[in-house]
């Protein structure tokens, strides 16, 4: 039989071993808990971030239009198209009050070569998309430049084509898209009223001959018009307001 001191010693050793075992299990348990990833918090509904379009700046457009930007090789538009887009001669179209979307599109077309014109292609080459939108935003705010019809003998023919088209040739009325007053449609069709007759006639001819190709609709219409009809409707358009 074990003596009392030996029993006490054995009991003490058993207690120490039990304590160590409990501590070890507790530590393992704690390590496992710490290693477990925390439950993910519910994700809020993610909303796609859509970058906003750059705001147009008519003031910046006016600066470019009137003075250009020599540091970037941008030439002032005013030299040819006149103050506020009201050109003095028919060589250069009137731009005042033209719909911004149309003006910006034409500048883009000059830059990408869709619309061919050696002078304007060179001018547009140095413009950024923002420049184009700014210039267009400036011009649309200007007062329309009024004009007058010059050829009294052709007014009747011009009016008939503009208002009613030429049914026998499948030519639609210009007023259907460009409005009875020539104000156009901001989202699709340009303002025509008051434009130089020589310029309008030249554009119709360019569409017919295929030298201007950035409107399939106008190409289709122009191919059905004679020189006389083009000149008559262009002269009538010049007097619209």
Protein backbone atom coordinates (compact mmCIF):
# COMPACT_ATOMS: atom_id res chain seq x y z
CA UNK A 1 0.00 0.00 0.00
CA UNK A 2 1.25 3.47 -0.88
CA UNK A 3 2.11 5.73 1.95
CA UNK A 4 0.15 8.92 2.51
CA UNK A 5 2.91 11.29 1.21
CA UNK A 6 3.14 9.25 -2.00
CA UNK A 7 -0.66 9.32 -2.47
CA UNK A 8 -0.68 13.07 -2.00
CA UNK A 9 2.12 13.46 -4.52
CA UNK A 10 0.33 11.28 -7.08
CA UNK A 11 -2.91 13.16 -6.59
CA UNK A 12 -1.08 16.44 -7.14
CA UNK A 13 0.50 15.18 -10.37
CA UNK A 14 -2.90 14.02 -11.67
CA UNK A 15 -4.43 17.41 -10.93
CA UNK A 16 -1.58 19.23 -12.72
CA UNK A 17 -1.94 16.96 -15.76
CA UNK A 18 -5.69 17.60 -15.89
CA UNK A 19 -5.15 21.34 -15.67
CA UNK A 20 -2.60 21.25 -18.51
CA UNK A 21 -4.98 19.20 -20.63
CA UNK A 22 -7.83 21.67 -20.08
CA UNK A 23 -5.53 24.64 -20.92
CA UNK A 24 -4.30 22.91 -24.07
CA UNK A 25 -7.82 22.15 -25.26
CA UNK A 26 -8.91 25.68 -24.44
CA UNK A 27 -5.98 27.10 -26.46
CA UNK A 28 -6.73 24.87 -29.44
CA UNK A 29 -10.36 25.80 -29.26
CA UNK A 30 -9.46 29.48 -29.13
CA UNK A 31 -7.11 29.12 -32.10
CA UNK A 32 -9.80 27.45 -34.16
CA UNK A 33 -12.26 30.19 -33.39
CA UNK A 34 -9.74 32.87 -34.27
CA UNK A 35 -8.95 31.13 -37.55
CA UNK A 36 -12.58 30.93 -38.59
CA UNK A 37 -13.43 33.86 -40.89
CA UNK A 38 -15.92 36.31 -39.50
CA UNK A 39 -19.29 36.01 -41.16
CA UNK A 40 -19.49 38.42 -44.08
CA UNK A 41 -21.71 41.37 -43.53
CA UNK A 42 -24.60 41.58 -45.96
CA UNK A 43 -23.50 43.59 -48.99
CA UNK A 44 -25.48 46.62 -49.78
CA UNK A 45 -26.99 46.66 -53.24
CA UNK A 46 -24.16 47.92 -55.42
CA UNK A 47 -25.17 50.65 -57.79
CA UNK A 48 -23.16 51.00 -60.98
CA UNK A 49 -21.32 54.27 -61.12
CA UNK A 50 -22.03 55.88 -64.48
CA UNK A 51 -19.60 58.63 -65.32
CA UNK A 52 -21.46 61.80 -66.11
CA UNK A 53 -21.03 63.56 -69.42
CA UNK A 54 -18.72 66.57 -69.28
CA UNK A 55 -20.72 69.74 -69.00
CA UNK A 56 -20.66 72.00 -72.00
CA UNK A 57 -19.12 75.43 -71.51
CA UNK A 58 -20.47 78.10 -73.88
CA UNK A 59 -17.99 80.64 -72.49
CA UNK A 60 -15.07 78.38 -73.37
CA UNK A 61 -16.71 77.83 -76.75
CA UNK A 62 -16.91 81.56 -77.35
CA UNK A 63 -13.22 81.93 -76.54
CA UNK A 64 -12.26 79.25 -79.03
CA UNK A 65 -14.64 80.60 -81.64
CA UNK A 66 -13.41 84.19 -81.32
CA UNK A 67 -9.72 83.73 -80.51
CA UNK A 68 -8.80 80.12 -81.10
CA UNK A 69 -6.00 78.60 -79.03
CA UNK A 70 -2.53 79.18 -80.54
CA UNK A 71 -0.92 76.83 -78.01
CA UNK A 72 -2.83 73.92 -79.57
CA UNK A 73 -3.03 75.19 -83.12
CA UNK A 74 -6.76 75.93 -82.89
CA UNK A 75 -7.72 78.64 -85.39
CA UNK A 76 -10.46 81.15 -84.56
CA UNK A 77 -13.75 80.43 -86.35
CA UNK A 78 -14.71 84.09 -86.42
CA UNK A 79 -12.28 84.83 -89.25
CA UNK A 80 -14.52 83.09 -91.78
CA UNK A 81 -17.88 82.65 -90.09
CA UNK A 82 -18.12 86.16 -88.66
CA UNK A 83 -18.98 87.48 -85.19
CA UNK A 84 -21.45 85.23 -83.38
CA UNK A 85 -21.67 82.92 -86.39
CA UNK A 86 -23.19 85.51 -88.72
CA UNK A 87 -20.97 85.28 -91.77
CA UNK A 88 -20.78 88.21 -94.17
CA UNK A 89 -20.45 86.27 -97.43
CA UNK A 90 -22.01 83.14 -98.90
CA UNK A 91 -18.63 81.40 -99.15
CA UNK A 92 -18.96 80.59 -95.46
CA UNK A 93 -22.24 79.32 -93.95
CA UNK A 94 -24.10 81.10 -91.22
CA UNK A 95 -23.74 79.21 -87.95
CA UNK A 96 -25.65 81.35 -85.46
CA UNK A 97 -28.58 79.63 -83.71
CA UNK A 98 -27.71 76.31 -85.36
CA UNK A 99 -28.70 73.32 -83.24
CA UNK A 100 -25.79 72.29 -81.04
CA UNK A 101 -26.10 68.58 -81.81
CA UNK A 102 -25.89 69.28 -85.54
CA UNK A 103 -22.90 71.62 -85.27
CA UNK A 104 -20.98 69.20 -83.07
CA UNK A 105 -21.74 66.32 -85.44
CA UNK A 106 -20.44 68.23 -88.46
CA UNK A 107 -17.21 69.06 -86.63
CA UNK A 108 -16.78 65.39 -85.69
CA UNK A 109 -17.44 64.38 -89.28
CA UNK A 110 -14.80 66.80 -90.54
CA UNK A 111 -12.31 65.41 -88.04
CA UNK A 112 -12.98 61.75 -88.83
CA UNK A 113 -13.17 62.39 -92.57
CA UNK A 114 -16.83 61.45 -92.95
CA UNK A 115 -17.47 64.93 -94.37
CA UNK A 116 -14.76 66.10 -96.73
CA UNK A 117 -13.66 69.71 -96.90
CA UNK A 118 -9.92 70.47 -96.93
CA UNK A 119 -10.23 73.68 -94.95
CA UNK A 120 -12.64 72.43 -92.31
CA UNK A 121 -10.87 69.10 -91.93
CA UNK A 122 -7.73 71.00 -91.01
CA UNK A 123 -9.63 73.25 -88.59
CA UNK A 124 -11.37 70.36 -86.84
CA UNK A 125 -8.22 68.25 -86.56
CA UNK A 126 -7.02 70.16 -83.50
CA UNK A 127 -10.37 70.18 -81.69
CA UNK A 128 -11.26 67.80 -78.89
CA UNK A 129 -14.76 66.42 -78.42
CA UNK A 130 -15.22 68.88 -75.55
CA UNK A 131 -14.08 71.78 -77.76
CA UNK A 132 -16.64 70.85 -80.38
CA UNK A 133 -19.45 70.67 -77.84
CA UNK A 134 -18.42 73.97 -76.29
CA UNK A 135 -18.34 75.79 -79.62
CA UNK A 136 -21.71 74.31 -80.56
CA UNK A 137 -23.15 75.38 -77.19
CA UNK A 138 -21.98 78.94 -77.82
CA UNK A 139 -23.38 79.17 -81.36
CA UNK A 140 -26.83 77.81 -80.55
CA UNK A 141 -27.33 80.70 -78.13
CA UNK A 142 -26.77 83.36 -80.79
CA UNK A 143 -29.54 85.18 -82.63
CA UNK A 144 -30.43 83.72 -86.04
CA UNK A 145 -29.02 85.56 -89.02
CA UNK A 146 -31.87 86.54 -91.29
CA UNK A 147 -31.76 86.54 -95.07
CA UNK A 148 -33.95 87.29 -98.06
CA UNK A 149 -34.93 85.47 -101.21
CA UNK A 150 -33.36 87.10 -104.25
CA UNK A 151 -34.97 85.47 -107.27
CA UNK A 152 -38.60 86.50 -107.54
CA UNK A 153 -39.14 84.32 -110.59
CA UNK A 154 -38.17 81.18 -108.67
CA UNK A 155 -40.03 81.81 -105.42
CA UNK A 156 -43.15 79.91 -106.47
CA UNK A 157 -41.16 76.83 -107.47
CA UNK A 158 -38.98 77.01 -104.37
CA UNK A 159 -41.98 77.38 -102.10
CA UNK A 160 -43.76 74.46 -103.75
CA UNK A 161 -40.77 72.17 -103.27
CA UNK A 162 -40.11 73.25 -99.69
CA UNK A 163 -43.70 72.99 -98.53
CA UNK A 164 -45.03 70.13 -100.64
CA UNK A 165 -42.10 68.34 -102.24
CA UNK A 166 -42.32 66.90 -105.75
CA UNK A 167 -44.65 63.92 -105.63
CA UNK A 168 -43.96 62.85 -109.21
CA UNK A 169 -40.24 62.45 -108.42
CA UNK A 170 -40.61 61.05 -104.91
CA UNK A 171 -39.17 64.18 -103.30
CA UNK A 172 -40.60 64.81 -99.80
CA UNK A 173 -41.43 68.27 -98.53
CA UNK A 174 -38.42 69.93 -96.86
CA UNK A 175 -40.77 71.39 -94.25
CA UNK A 176 -41.54 67.91 -92.98
CA UNK A 177 -38.10 67.69 -91.37
CA UNK A 178 -36.77 71.24 -91.33
CA UNK A 179 -40.09 72.79 -90.19
CA UNK A 180 -42.25 75.30 -92.08
CA UNK A 181 -40.09 78.20 -90.87
CA UNK A 182 -36.77 76.51 -91.53
CA UNK A 183 -36.02 76.21 -87.81
CA UNK A 184 -35.22 72.51 -88.11
CA UNK A 185 -35.41 69.90 -85.39
CA UNK A 186 -32.85 70.10 -82.55
CA UNK A 187 -32.33 66.36 -82.31
CA UNK A 188 -32.05 65.53 -86.01
CA UNK A 189 -32.37 68.21 -88.64
CA UNK A 190 -30.44 71.47 -89.01
CA UNK A 191 -31.78 74.98 -89.08
CA UNK A 192 -31.98 76.18 -92.70
CA UNK A 193 -33.92 79.43 -92.53
CA UNK A 194 -31.85 82.49 -93.47
CA UNK A 195 -28.91 80.46 -94.79
CA UNK A 196 -27.08 81.77 -97.84
CA UNK A 197 -28.79 80.43 -100.98
CA UNK A 198 -25.46 79.77 -102.67
CA UNK A 199 -24.30 77.67 -99.72
CA UNK A 200 -27.52 75.62 -99.51
CA UNK A 201 -27.45 75.00 -103.24
CA UNK A 202 -23.80 73.96 -103.10
CA UNK A 203 -24.58 71.42 -100.35
CA UNK A 204 -27.49 69.93 -102.30
CA UNK A 205 -25.18 69.58 -105.30
CA UNK A 206 -22.49 67.96 -103.12
CA UNK A 207 -25.02 65.43 -101.84
CA UNK A 208 -26.17 64.69 -105.38
CA UNK A 209 -22.65 64.32 -106.75
CA UNK A 210 -21.50 62.20 -103.81
CA UNK A 211 -18.82 64.60 -102.58
CA UNK A 212 -20.73 65.03 -99.34
CA UNK A 213 -21.63 61.69 -97.83
CA UNK A 214 -22.58 62.24 -94.20
CA UNK A 215 -26.35 62.00 -94.68
CA UNK A 216 -27.78 59.13 -96.70
CA UNK A 217 -31.23 60.69 -96.42
CA UNK A 218 -30.11 63.91 -98.08
CA UNK A 219 -28.17 62.03 -100.72
CA UNK A 220 -31.33 60.15 -101.69
CA UNK A 221 -33.35 63.37 -101.92
CA UNK A 222 -30.73 65.42 -103.75
CA UNK A 223 -30.25 62.82 -106.48
CA UNK A 224 -33.84 63.52 -107.56
CA UNK A 225 -33.45 67.29 -107.85
CA UNK A 226 -32.42 69.22 -110.96
CA UNK A 227 -30.05 72.19 -110.80
CA UNK A 228 -33.01 74.54 -111.29
CA UNK A 229 -34.96 72.93 -108.45
CA UNK A 230 -31.96 73.09 -106.11
CA UNK A 231 -31.44 76.78 -106.78
CA UNK A 232 -35.13 77.60 -106.43
CA UNK A 233 -35.60 75.85 -103.09
CA UNK A 234 -32.30 77.23 -101.77
CA UNK A 235 -33.35 80.78 -102.62
CA UNK A 236 -36.70 80.24 -100.92
CA UNK A 237 -34.96 78.88 -97.81
CA UNK A 238 -32.83 82.02 -97.58
CA UNK A 239 -35.93 84.08 -96.92
CA UNK A 240 -37.48 81.82 -94.29
CA UNK A 241 -37.77 83.08 -90.73
